[in-house]
PDB file of N, CA and C in Angstrom:
ATOM      1  N   MET A   1      69.717 -20.686  39.037  1.00  0.00           N
ATOM      2  CA  MET A   1      70.639 -20.055  39.948  1.00  0.00           C
ATOM      3  C   MET A   1      72.063 -20.249  39.434  1.00  0.00           C
ATOM      4  N   VAL A   2      72.772 -19.171  39.376  1.00  0.00           N
ATOM      5  CA  VAL A   2      74.135 -19.211  38.869  1.00  0.00           C
ATOM      6  C   VAL A   2      75.017 -18.405  39.814  1.00  0.00           C
ATOM      7  N   SER A   3      76.207 -18.904  40.044  1.00  0.00           N
ATOM      8  CA  SER A   3      77.126 -18.191  40.922  1.00  0.00           C
ATOM      9  C   SER A   3      77.834 -17.075  40.158  1.00  0.00           C
ATOM     10  N   HIS A   4      78.649 -16.313  40.864  1.00  0.00           N
ATOM     11  CA  HIS A   4      79.336 -15.173  40.256  1.00  0.00           C
ATOM     12  C   HIS A   4      80.309 -15.605  39.152  1.00  0.00           C
ATOM     13  N   ASP A   5      80.794 -16.856  39.196  1.00  0.00           N
ATOM     14  CA  ASP A   5      81.711 -17.327  38.153  1.00  0.00           C
ATOM     15  C   ASP A   5      80.981 -18.138  37.075  1.00  0.00           C
ATOM     16  N   LEU A   6      79.656 -18.062  37.050  1.00  0.00           N
ATOM     17  CA  LEU A   6      78.784 -18.716  36.074  1.00  0.00           C
ATOM     18  C   LEU A   6      78.829 -20.239  36.113  1.00  0.00           C
ATOM     19  N   SER A   7      79.218 -20.811  37.226  1.00  0.00           N
ATOM     20  CA  SER A   7      79.184 -22.263  37.351  1.00  0.00           C
ATOM     21  C   SER A   7      77.814 -22.679  37.908  1.00  0.00           C
ATOM     22  N   PRO A   8      77.336 -23.843  37.526  1.00  0.00           N
ATOM     23  CA  PRO A   8      76.012 -24.282  37.992  1.00  0.00           C
ATOM     24  C   PRO A   8      76.040 -24.955  39.364  1.00  0.00           C
ATOM     25  N   ASP A   9      77.141 -24.841  40.094  1.00  0.00           N
ATOM     26  CA  ASP A   9      77.280 -25.542  41.374  1.00  0.00           C
ATOM     27  C   ASP A   9      76.167 -25.213  42.367  1.00  0.00           C
ATOM     28  N   LEU A  10      75.814 -23.957  42.478  1.00  0.00           N
ATOM     29  CA  LEU A  10      74.762 -23.544  43.408  1.00  0.00           C
ATOM     30  C   LEU A  10      73.416 -24.146  43.005  1.00  0.00           C
ATOM     31  N   HIS A  11      73.138 -24.135  41.724  1.00  0.00           N
ATOM     32  CA  HIS A  11      71.890 -24.694  41.214  1.00  0.00           C
ATOM     33  C   HIS A  11      71.827 -26.201  41.466  1.00  0.00           C
ATOM     34  N   ILE A  12      72.920 -26.897  41.185  1.00  0.00           N
ATOM     35  CA  ILE A  12      72.982 -28.343  41.394  1.00  0.00           C
ATOM     36  C   ILE A  12      72.822 -28.660  42.869  1.00  0.00           C
ATOM     37  N   SER A  13      73.446 -27.895  43.708  1.00  0.00           N
ATOM     38  CA  SER A  13      73.333 -28.089  45.146  1.00  0.00           C
ATOM     39  C   SER A  13      71.888 -27.936  45.607  1.00  0.00           C
ATOM     40  N   ASN A  14      71.203 -26.924  45.100  1.00  0.00           N
ATOM     41  CA  ASN A  14      69.798 -26.706  45.466  1.00  0.00           C
ATOM     42  C   ASN A  14      68.915 -27.859  44.992  1.00  0.00           C
ATOM     43  N   ILE A  15      69.177 -28.366  43.798  1.00  0.00           N
ATOM     44  CA  ILE A  15      68.403 -29.487  43.270  1.00  0.00           C
ATOM     45  C   ILE A  15      68.606 -30.730  44.131  1.00  0.00           C
ATOM     46  N   VAL A  16      69.841 -31.010  44.492  1.00  0.00           N
ATOM     47  CA  VAL A  16      70.132 -32.201  45.294  1.00  0.00           C
ATOM     48  C   VAL A  16      69.500 -32.096  46.682  1.00  0.00           C
ATOM     49  N   VAL A  17      69.568 -30.938  47.284  1.00  0.00           N
ATOM     50  CA  VAL A  17      68.948 -30.746  48.604  1.00  0.00           C
ATOM     51  C   VAL A  17      67.434 -30.938  48.500  1.00  0.00           C
ATOM     52  N   LYS A  18      66.832 -30.380  47.481  1.00  0.00           N
ATOM     53  CA  LYS A  18      65.394 -30.526  47.277  1.00  0.00           C
ATOM     54  C   LYS A  18      65.025 -31.995  47.045  1.00  0.00           C
ATOM     55  N   ALA A  19      65.851 -32.717  46.293  1.00  0.00           N
ATOM     56  CA  ALA A  19      65.595 -34.131  46.017  1.00  0.00           C
ATOM     57  C   ALA A  19      65.740 -34.975  47.281  1.00  0.00           C
ATOM     58  N   HIS A  20      66.718 -34.665  48.115  1.00  0.00           N
ATOM     59  CA  HIS A  20      66.874 -35.401  49.373  1.00  0.00           C
ATOM     60  C   HIS A  20      65.683 -35.157  50.301  1.00  0.00           C
ATOM     61  N   LYS A  21      65.170 -33.942  50.310  1.00  0.00           N
ATOM     62  CA  LYS A  21      63.976 -33.652  51.104  1.00  0.00           C
ATOM     63  C   LYS A  21      62.776 -34.436  50.585  1.00  0.00           C
ATOM     64  N   CYS A  22      62.675 -34.543  49.273  1.00  0.00           N
ATOM     65  CA  CYS A  22      61.596 -35.309  48.657  1.00  0.00           C
ATOM     66  C   CYS A  22      61.728 -36.793  49.002  1.00  0.00           C
ATOM     67  N   THR A  23      62.960 -37.299  49.022  1.00  0.00           N
ATOM     68  CA  THR A  23      63.205 -38.692  49.406  1.00  0.00           C
ATOM     69  C   THR A  23      62.699 -38.939  50.825  1.00  0.00           C
ATOM     70  N   ALA A  24      63.041 -38.060  51.727  1.00  0.00           N
ATOM     71  CA  ALA A  24      62.592 -38.199  53.117  1.00  0.00           C
ATOM     72  C   ALA A  24      61.072 -38.146  53.207  1.00  0.00           C
ATOM     73  N   ALA A  25      60.454 -37.265  52.437  1.00  0.00           N
ATOM     74  CA  ALA A  25      58.996 -37.145  52.456  1.00  0.00           C
ATOM     75  C   ALA A  25      58.334 -38.417  51.923  1.00  0.00           C
ATOM     76  N   ILE A  26      58.911 -39.011  50.893  1.00  0.00           N
ATOM     77  CA  ILE A  26      58.359 -40.246  50.333  1.00  0.00           C
ATOM     78  C   ILE A  26      58.415 -41.356  51.373  1.00  0.00           C
ATOM     79  N   TYR A  27      59.554 -41.504  52.026  1.00  0.00           N
ATOM     80  CA  TYR A  27      59.677 -42.571  53.010  1.00  0.00           C
ATOM     81  C   TYR A  27      58.823 -42.322  54.256  1.00  0.00           C
ATOM     82  N   ARG A  28      58.547 -41.072  54.577  1.00  0.00           N
ATOM     83  CA  ARG A  28      57.642 -40.778  55.690  1.00  0.00           C
ATOM     84  C   ARG A  28      56.190 -41.038  55.300  1.00  0.00           C
ATOM     85  N   ALA A  29      55.841 -40.699  54.052  1.00  0.00           N
ATOM     86  CA  ALA A  29      54.455 -40.816  53.605  1.00  0.00           C
ATOM     87  C   ALA A  29      54.032 -42.264  53.362  1.00  0.00           C
ATOM     88  N   PHE A  30      54.936 -43.063  52.817  1.00  0.00           N
ATOM     89  CA  PHE A  30      54.612 -44.450  52.494  1.00  0.00           C
ATOM     90  C   PHE A  30      55.221 -45.359  53.550  1.00  0.00           C
ATOM     91  N   THR A  31      54.400 -45.788  54.477  1.00  0.00           N
ATOM     92  CA  THR A  31      54.898 -46.654  55.541  1.00  0.00           C
ATOM     93  C   THR A  31      54.950 -48.113  55.111  1.00  0.00           C
ATOM     94  N   CYS A  32      54.368 -48.429  53.961  1.00  0.00           N
ATOM     95  CA  CYS A  32      54.396 -49.808  53.485  1.00  0.00           C
ATOM     96  C   CYS A  32      55.801 -50.169  53.010  1.00  0.00           C
ATOM     97  N   GLN A  33      56.051 -51.436  52.870  1.00  0.00           N
ATOM     98  CA  GLN A  33      57.363 -51.911  52.432  1.00  0.00           C
ATOM     99  C   GLN A  33      57.304 -52.444  51.004  1.00  0.00           C
ATOM    100  N   ASN A  34      56.371 -51.973  50.208  1.00  0.00           N
ATOM    101  CA  ASN A  34      56.196 -52.425  48.833  1.00  0.00           C
ATOM    102  C   ASN A  34      57.174 -51.684  47.926  1.00  0.00           C
ATOM    103  N   VAL A  35      58.120 -52.417  47.367  1.00  0.00           N
ATOM    104  CA  VAL A  35      59.155 -51.808  46.529  1.00  0.00           C
ATOM    105  C   VAL A  35      58.551 -51.190  45.274  1.00  0.00           C
ATOM    106  N   ASP A  36      57.549 -51.852  44.673  1.00  0.00           N
ATOM    107  CA  ASP A  36      56.928 -51.312  43.456  1.00  0.00           C
ATOM    108  C   ASP A  36      56.268 -49.963  43.712  1.00  0.00           C
ATOM    109  N   LEU A  37      55.588 -49.829  44.817  1.00  0.00           N
ATOM    110  CA  LEU A  37      54.939 -48.567  45.159  1.00  0.00           C
ATOM    111  C   LEU A  37      55.975 -47.464  45.410  1.00  0.00           C
ATOM    112  N   LEU A  38      57.031 -47.797  46.126  1.00  0.00           N
ATOM    113  CA  LEU A  38      58.077 -46.810  46.387  1.00  0.00           C
ATOM    114  C   LEU A  38      58.778 -46.401  45.099  1.00  0.00           C
ATOM    115  N   MET A  39      58.971 -47.348  44.181  1.00  0.00           N
ATOM    116  CA  MET A  39      59.609 -47.015  42.907  1.00  0.00           C
ATOM    117  C   MET A  39      58.713 -46.113  42.062  1.00  0.00           C
ATOM    118  N   ARG A  40      57.406 -46.346  42.121  1.00  0.00           N
ATOM    119  CA  ARG A  40      56.485 -45.446  41.403  1.00  0.00           C
ATOM    120  C   ARG A  40      56.570 -44.025  41.961  1.00  0.00           C
ATOM    121  N   ALA A  41      56.635 -43.930  43.271  1.00  0.00           N
ATOM    122  CA  ALA A  41      56.765 -42.612  43.896  1.00  0.00           C
ATOM    123  C   ALA A  41      58.081 -41.965  43.473  1.00  0.00           C
ATOM    124  N   TYR A  42      59.140 -42.750  43.412  1.00  0.00           N
ATOM    125  CA  TYR A  42      60.448 -42.243  42.961  1.00  0.00           C
ATOM    126  C   TYR A  42      60.351 -41.702  41.541  1.00  0.00           C
ATOM    127  N   LEU A  43      59.749 -42.487  40.655  1.00  0.00           N
ATOM    128  CA  LEU A  43      59.657 -42.083  39.251  1.00  0.00           C
ATOM    129  C   LEU A  43      58.736 -40.887  39.050  1.00  0.00           C
ATOM    130  N   MET A  44      57.706 -40.750  39.883  1.00  0.00           N
ATOM    131  CA  MET A  44      56.750 -39.660  39.717  1.00  0.00           C
ATOM    132  C   MET A  44      57.168 -38.367  40.403  1.00  0.00           C
ATOM    133  N   TYR A  45      57.769 -38.468  41.580  1.00  0.00           N
ATOM    134  CA  TYR A  45      58.035 -37.274  42.370  1.00  0.00           C
ATOM    135  C   TYR A  45      59.506 -36.867  42.428  1.00  0.00           C
ATOM    136  N   LEU A  46      60.379 -37.828  42.505  1.00  0.00           N
ATOM    137  CA  LEU A  46      61.788 -37.520  42.734  1.00  0.00           C
ATOM    138  C   LEU A  46      62.579 -37.337  41.444  1.00  0.00           C
ATOM    139  N   LEU A  47      62.401 -38.229  40.504  1.00  0.00           N
ATOM    140  CA  LEU A  47      63.171 -38.165  39.269  1.00  0.00           C
ATOM    141  C   LEU A  47      62.944 -36.870  38.479  1.00  0.00           C
ATOM    142  N   PRO A  48      61.708 -36.372  38.383  1.00  0.00           N
ATOM    143  CA  PRO A  48      61.519 -35.100  37.681  1.00  0.00           C
ATOM    144  C   PRO A  48      62.281 -33.924  38.307  1.00  0.00           C
ATOM    145  N   ILE A  49      62.455 -33.949  39.622  1.00  0.00           N
ATOM    146  CA  ILE A  49      63.206 -32.879  40.278  1.00  0.00           C
ATOM    147  C   ILE A  49      64.655 -32.889  39.798  1.00  0.00           C
ATOM    148  N   VAL A  50      65.221 -34.074  39.717  1.00  0.00           N
ATOM    149  CA  VAL A  50      66.634 -34.206  39.345  1.00  0.00           C
ATOM    150  C   VAL A  50      66.845 -33.973  37.853  1.00  0.00           C
ATOM    151  N   GLU A  51      65.898 -34.422  37.034  1.00  0.00           N
ATOM    152  CA  GLU A  51      66.088 -34.342  35.588  1.00  0.00           C
ATOM    153  C   GLU A  51      65.572 -33.046  34.959  1.00  0.00           C
ATOM    154  N   HIS A  52      64.852 -32.232  35.711  1.00  0.00           N
ATOM    155  CA  HIS A  52      64.270 -31.016  35.149  1.00  0.00           C
ATOM    156  C   HIS A  52      65.349 -30.071  34.623  1.00  0.00           C
ATOM    157  N   ASP A  53      65.272 -29.744  33.364  1.00  0.00           N
ATOM    158  CA  ASP A  53      66.187 -28.820  32.689  1.00  0.00           C
ATOM    159  C   ASP A  53      67.656 -29.216  32.810  1.00  0.00           C
ATOM    160  N   CYS A  54      67.920 -30.511  32.897  1.00  0.00           N
ATOM    161  CA  CYS A  54      69.320 -30.948  33.036  1.00  0.00           C
ATOM    162  C   CYS A  54      70.148 -30.617  31.794  1.00  0.00           C
ATOM    163  N   VAL A  55      69.506 -30.410  30.663  1.00  0.00           N
ATOM    164  CA  VAL A  55      70.232 -30.033  29.454  1.00  0.00           C
ATOM    165  C   VAL A  55      70.835 -28.638  29.620  1.00  0.00           C
ATOM    166  N   ILE A  56      70.140 -27.783  30.326  1.00  0.00           N
ATOM    167  CA  ILE A  56      70.617 -26.408  30.509  1.00  0.00           C
ATOM    168  C   ILE A  56      71.795 -26.349  31.465  1.00  0.00           C
ATOM    169  N   TRP A  57      71.685 -27.045  32.619  1.00  0.00           N
ATOM    170  CA  TRP A  57      72.765 -26.950  33.598  1.00  0.00           C
ATOM    171  C   TRP A  57      73.776 -28.062  33.479  1.00  0.00           C
ATOM    172  N   SER A  58      73.667 -28.903  32.501  1.00  0.00           N
ATOM    173  CA  SER A  58      74.618 -29.939  32.096  1.00  0.00           C
ATOM    174  C   SER A  58      75.754 -30.229  33.077  1.00  0.00           C
ATOM    175  N   LEU A  59      75.716 -31.418  33.619  1.00  0.00           N
ATOM    176  CA  LEU A  59      76.775 -31.846  34.539  1.00  0.00           C
ATOM    177  C   LEU A  59      78.052 -32.098  33.745  1.00  0.00           C
ATOM    178  N   TYR A  60      79.071 -31.370  34.057  1.00  0.00           N
ATOM    179  CA  TYR A  60      80.312 -31.554  33.301  1.00  0.00           C
ATOM    180  C   TYR A  60      81.507 -31.858  34.185  1.00  0.00           C
ATOM    181  N   THR A  61      81.348 -31.829  35.477  1.00  0.00           N
ATOM    182  CA  THR A  61      82.455 -32.208  36.353  1.00  0.00           C
ATOM    183  C   THR A  61      82.091 -33.493  37.093  1.00  0.00           C
ATOM    184  N   ALA A  62      83.085 -34.296  37.388  1.00  0.00           N
ATOM    185  CA  ALA A  62      82.858 -35.561  38.084  1.00  0.00           C
ATOM    186  C   ALA A  62      82.252 -35.314  39.464  1.00  0.00           C
ATOM    187  N   LYS A  63      82.640 -34.218  40.093  1.00  0.00           N
ATOM    188  CA  LYS A  63      82.121 -33.872  41.413  1.00  0.00           C
ATOM    189  C   LYS A  63      80.608 -33.660  41.357  1.00  0.00           C
ATOM    190  N   ASP A  64      80.141 -32.935  40.346  1.00  0.00           N
ATOM    191  CA  ASP A  64      78.710 -32.675  40.202  1.00  0.00           C
ATOM    192  C   ASP A  64      77.942 -33.951  39.873  1.00  0.00           C
ATOM    193  N   ILE A  65      78.506 -34.782  39.024  1.00  0.00           N
ATOM    194  CA  ILE A  65      77.861 -36.033  38.641  1.00  0.00           C
ATOM    195  C   ILE A  65      77.688 -36.927  39.861  1.00  0.00           C
ATOM    196  N   GLU A  66      78.722 -37.072  40.653  1.00  0.00           N
ATOM    197  CA  GLU A  66      78.641 -37.903  41.851  1.00  0.00           C
ATOM    198  C   GLU A  66      77.670 -37.318  42.871  1.00  0.00           C
ATOM    199  N   TYR A  67      77.620 -36.005  42.950  1.00  0.00           N
ATOM    200  CA  TYR A  67      76.720 -35.345  43.888  1.00  0.00           C
ATOM    201  C   TYR A  67      75.259 -35.631  43.525  1.00  0.00           C
ATOM    202  N   VAL A  68      74.928 -35.575  42.252  1.00  0.00           N
ATOM    203  CA  VAL A  68      73.565 -35.861  41.815  1.00  0.00           C
ATOM    204  C   VAL A  68      73.243 -37.344  41.993  1.00  0.00           C
ATOM    205  N   LYS A  69      74.221 -38.208  41.772  1.00  0.00           N
ATOM    206  CA  LYS A  69      73.993 -39.649  41.939  1.00  0.00           C
ATOM    207  C   LYS A  69      73.688 -40.018  43.389  1.00  0.00           C
ATOM    208  N   THR A  70      74.073 -39.187  44.344  1.00  0.00           N
ATOM    209  CA  THR A  70      73.796 -39.502  45.747  1.00  0.00           C
ATOM    210  C   THR A  70      72.295 -39.600  46.017  1.00  0.00           C
ATOM    211  N   VAL A  71      71.513 -38.878  45.234  1.00  0.00           N
ATOM    212  CA  VAL A  71      70.053 -38.923  45.402  1.00  0.00           C
ATOM    213  C   VAL A  71      69.553 -40.330  45.113  1.00  0.00           C
ATOM    214  N   GLN A  72      69.952 -40.872  43.970  1.00  0.00           N
ATOM    215  CA  GLN A  72      69.515 -42.209  43.581  1.00  0.00           C
ATOM    216  C   GLN A  72      70.124 -43.282  44.490  1.00  0.00           C
ATOM    217  N   ARG A  73      71.374 -43.095  44.861  1.00  0.00           N
ATOM    218  CA  ARG A  73      72.019 -44.051  45.773  1.00  0.00           C
ATOM    219  C   ARG A  73      71.267 -44.144  47.091  1.00  0.00           C
ATOM    220  N   ARG A  74      70.952 -42.985  47.646  1.00  0.00           N
ATOM    221  CA  ARG A  74      70.276 -42.944  48.946  1.00  0.00           C
ATOM    222  C   ARG A  74      68.890 -43.566  48.862  1.00  0.00           C
ATOM    223  N   PHE A  75      68.154 -43.224  47.815  1.00  0.00           N
ATOM    224  CA  PHE A  75      66.794 -43.748  47.692  1.00  0.00           C
ATOM    225  C   PHE A  75      66.802 -45.261  47.538  1.00  0.00           C
ATOM    226  N   THR A  76      67.644 -45.790  46.654  1.00  0.00           N
ATOM    227  CA  THR A  76      67.643 -47.233  46.409  1.00  0.00           C
ATOM    228  C   THR A  76      68.202 -48.014  47.602  1.00  0.00           C
ATOM    229  N   LYS A  77      69.105 -47.415  48.347  1.00  0.00           N
ATOM    230  CA  LYS A  77      69.686 -48.109  49.499  1.00  0.00           C
ATOM    231  C   LYS A  77      68.649 -48.315  50.609  1.00  0.00           C
ATOM    232  N   HIS A  78      67.696 -47.417  50.717  1.00  0.00           N
ATOM    233  CA  HIS A  78      66.685 -47.525  51.772  1.00  0.00           C
ATOM    234  C   HIS A  78      65.488 -48.383  51.378  1.00  0.00           C
ATOM    235  N   LEU A  79      65.460 -48.892  50.142  1.00  0.00           N
ATOM    236  CA  LEU A  79      64.380 -49.787  49.751  1.00  0.00           C
ATOM    237  C   LEU A  79      64.506 -51.095  50.535  1.00  0.00           C
ATOM    238  N   PRO A  80      63.394 -51.677  50.945  1.00  0.00           N
ATOM    239  CA  PRO A  80      63.447 -52.918  51.715  1.00  0.00           C
ATOM    240  C   PRO A  80      64.119 -54.042  50.913  1.00  0.00           C
ATOM    241  N   GLY A  81      65.125 -54.660  51.512  1.00  0.00           N
ATOM    242  CA  GLY A  81      65.824 -55.769  50.884  1.00  0.00           C
ATOM    243  C   GLY A  81      66.960 -55.379  49.959  1.00  0.00           C
ATOM    244  N   PHE A  82      67.244 -54.089  49.793  1.00  0.00           N
ATOM    245  CA  PHE A  82      68.278 -53.641  48.869  1.00  0.00           C
ATOM    246  C   PHE A  82      69.500 -53.042  49.567  1.00  0.00           C
ATOM    247  N   ARG A  83      69.485 -52.976  50.873  1.00  0.00           N
ATOM    248  CA  ARG A  83      70.560 -52.321  51.618  1.00  0.00           C
ATOM    249  C   ARG A  83      71.921 -52.992  51.409  1.00  0.00           C
ATOM    250  N   THR A  84      71.950 -54.304  51.290  1.00  0.00           N
ATOM    251  CA  THR A  84      73.223 -55.027  51.225  1.00  0.00           C
ATOM    252  C   THR A  84      73.833 -55.067  49.830  1.00  0.00           C
ATOM    253  N   PHE A  85      73.062 -54.709  48.818  1.00  0.00           N
ATOM    254  CA  PHE A  85      73.580 -54.759  47.451  1.00  0.00           C
ATOM    255  C   PHE A  85      74.381 -53.512  47.120  1.00  0.00           C
ATOM    256  N   PRO A  86      75.426 -53.652  46.301  1.00  0.00           N
ATOM    257  CA  PRO A  86      76.139 -52.460  45.835  1.00  0.00           C
ATOM    258  C   PRO A  86      75.241 -51.645  44.893  1.00  0.00           C
ATOM    259  N   TYR A  87      75.599 -50.403  44.687  1.00  0.00           N
ATOM    260  CA  TYR A  87      74.783 -49.474  43.896  1.00  0.00           C
ATOM    261  C   TYR A  87      74.484 -50.017  42.499  1.00  0.00           C
ATOM    262  N   ALA A  88      75.485 -50.522  41.807  1.00  0.00           N
ATOM    263  CA  ALA A  88      75.286 -51.029  40.443  1.00  0.00           C
ATOM    264  C   ALA A  88      74.307 -52.202  40.429  1.00  0.00           C
ATOM    265  N   GLU A  89      74.382 -53.057  41.411  1.00  0.00           N
ATOM    266  CA  GLU A  89      73.474 -54.203  41.493  1.00  0.00           C
ATOM    267  C   GLU A  89      72.047 -53.746  41.780  1.00  0.00           C
ATOM    268  N   ARG A  90      71.899 -52.749  42.641  1.00  0.00           N
ATOM    269  CA  ARG A  90      70.552 -52.214  42.925  1.00  0.00           C
ATOM    270  C   ARG A  90      69.929 -51.651  41.661  1.00  0.00           C
ATOM    271  N   LEU A  91      70.704 -50.905  40.872  1.00  0.00           N
ATOM    272  CA  LEU A  91      70.181 -50.351  39.621  1.00  0.00           C
ATOM    273  C   LEU A  91      69.774 -51.452  38.658  1.00  0.00           C
ATOM    274  N   LYS A  92      70.584 -52.482  38.590  1.00  0.00           N
ATOM    275  CA  LYS A  92      70.305 -53.597  37.694  1.00  0.00           C
ATOM    276  C   LYS A  92      69.015 -54.309  38.101  1.00  0.00           C
ATOM    277  N   ARG A  93      68.859 -54.589  39.393  1.00  0.00           N
ATOM    278  CA  ARG A  93      67.666 -55.291  39.875  1.00  0.00           C
ATOM    279  C   ARG A  93      66.398 -54.438  39.734  1.00  0.00           C
ATOM    280  N   LEU A  94      66.534 -53.138  39.882  1.00  0.00           N
ATOM    281  CA  LEU A  94      65.381 -52.245  39.752  1.00  0.00           C
ATOM    282  C   LEU A  94      65.161 -51.765  38.326  1.00  0.00           C
ATOM    283  N   GLN A  95      66.056 -52.144  37.434  1.00  0.00           N
ATOM    284  CA  GLN A  95      66.009 -51.738  36.027  1.00  0.00           C
ATOM    285  C   GLN A  95      65.976 -50.224  35.872  1.00  0.00           C
ATOM    286  N   LEU A  96      66.870 -49.571  36.594  1.00  0.00           N
ATOM    287  CA  LEU A  96      66.986 -48.114  36.527  1.00  0.00           C
ATOM    288  C   LEU A  96      68.283 -47.732  35.828  1.00  0.00           C
ATOM    289  N   PRO A  97      68.247 -46.697  35.016  1.00  0.00           N
ATOM    290  CA  PRO A  97      69.511 -46.187  34.473  1.00  0.00           C
ATOM    291  C   PRO A  97      70.219 -45.334  35.529  1.00  0.00           C
ATOM    292  N   SER A  98      71.500 -45.247  35.435  1.00  0.00           N
ATOM    293  CA  SER A  98      72.244 -44.387  36.358  1.00  0.00           C
ATOM    294  C   SER A  98      71.983 -42.931  36.007  1.00  0.00           C
ATOM    295  N   LEU A  99      71.907 -42.094  37.003  1.00  0.00           N
ATOM    296  CA  LEU A  99      71.709 -40.669  36.749  1.00  0.00           C
ATOM    297  C   LEU A  99      72.973 -40.080  36.165  1.00  0.00           C
TER     298      LEU A  99
END
């Protein structure tokens, strides 16, 4: 999806909305509080949505980069026991690279 000025903003917005919906579905589907299981679901279902064809729509503005990072921020913040940690610390403890 491309807007009339050929910016990928519309496409990025659609990806982020789809990823947030997937996040909600994961947390509804898995009622357990097992961080390893939730992380597997993240890596299998959510990350491919965000990373699919990212070379083509290449994030080049800080606004777009931060918008995509909200997906990972939201998911890691809702993990049991990770709410109080800052984003960088959550990534470090979960051994995840930043999006």
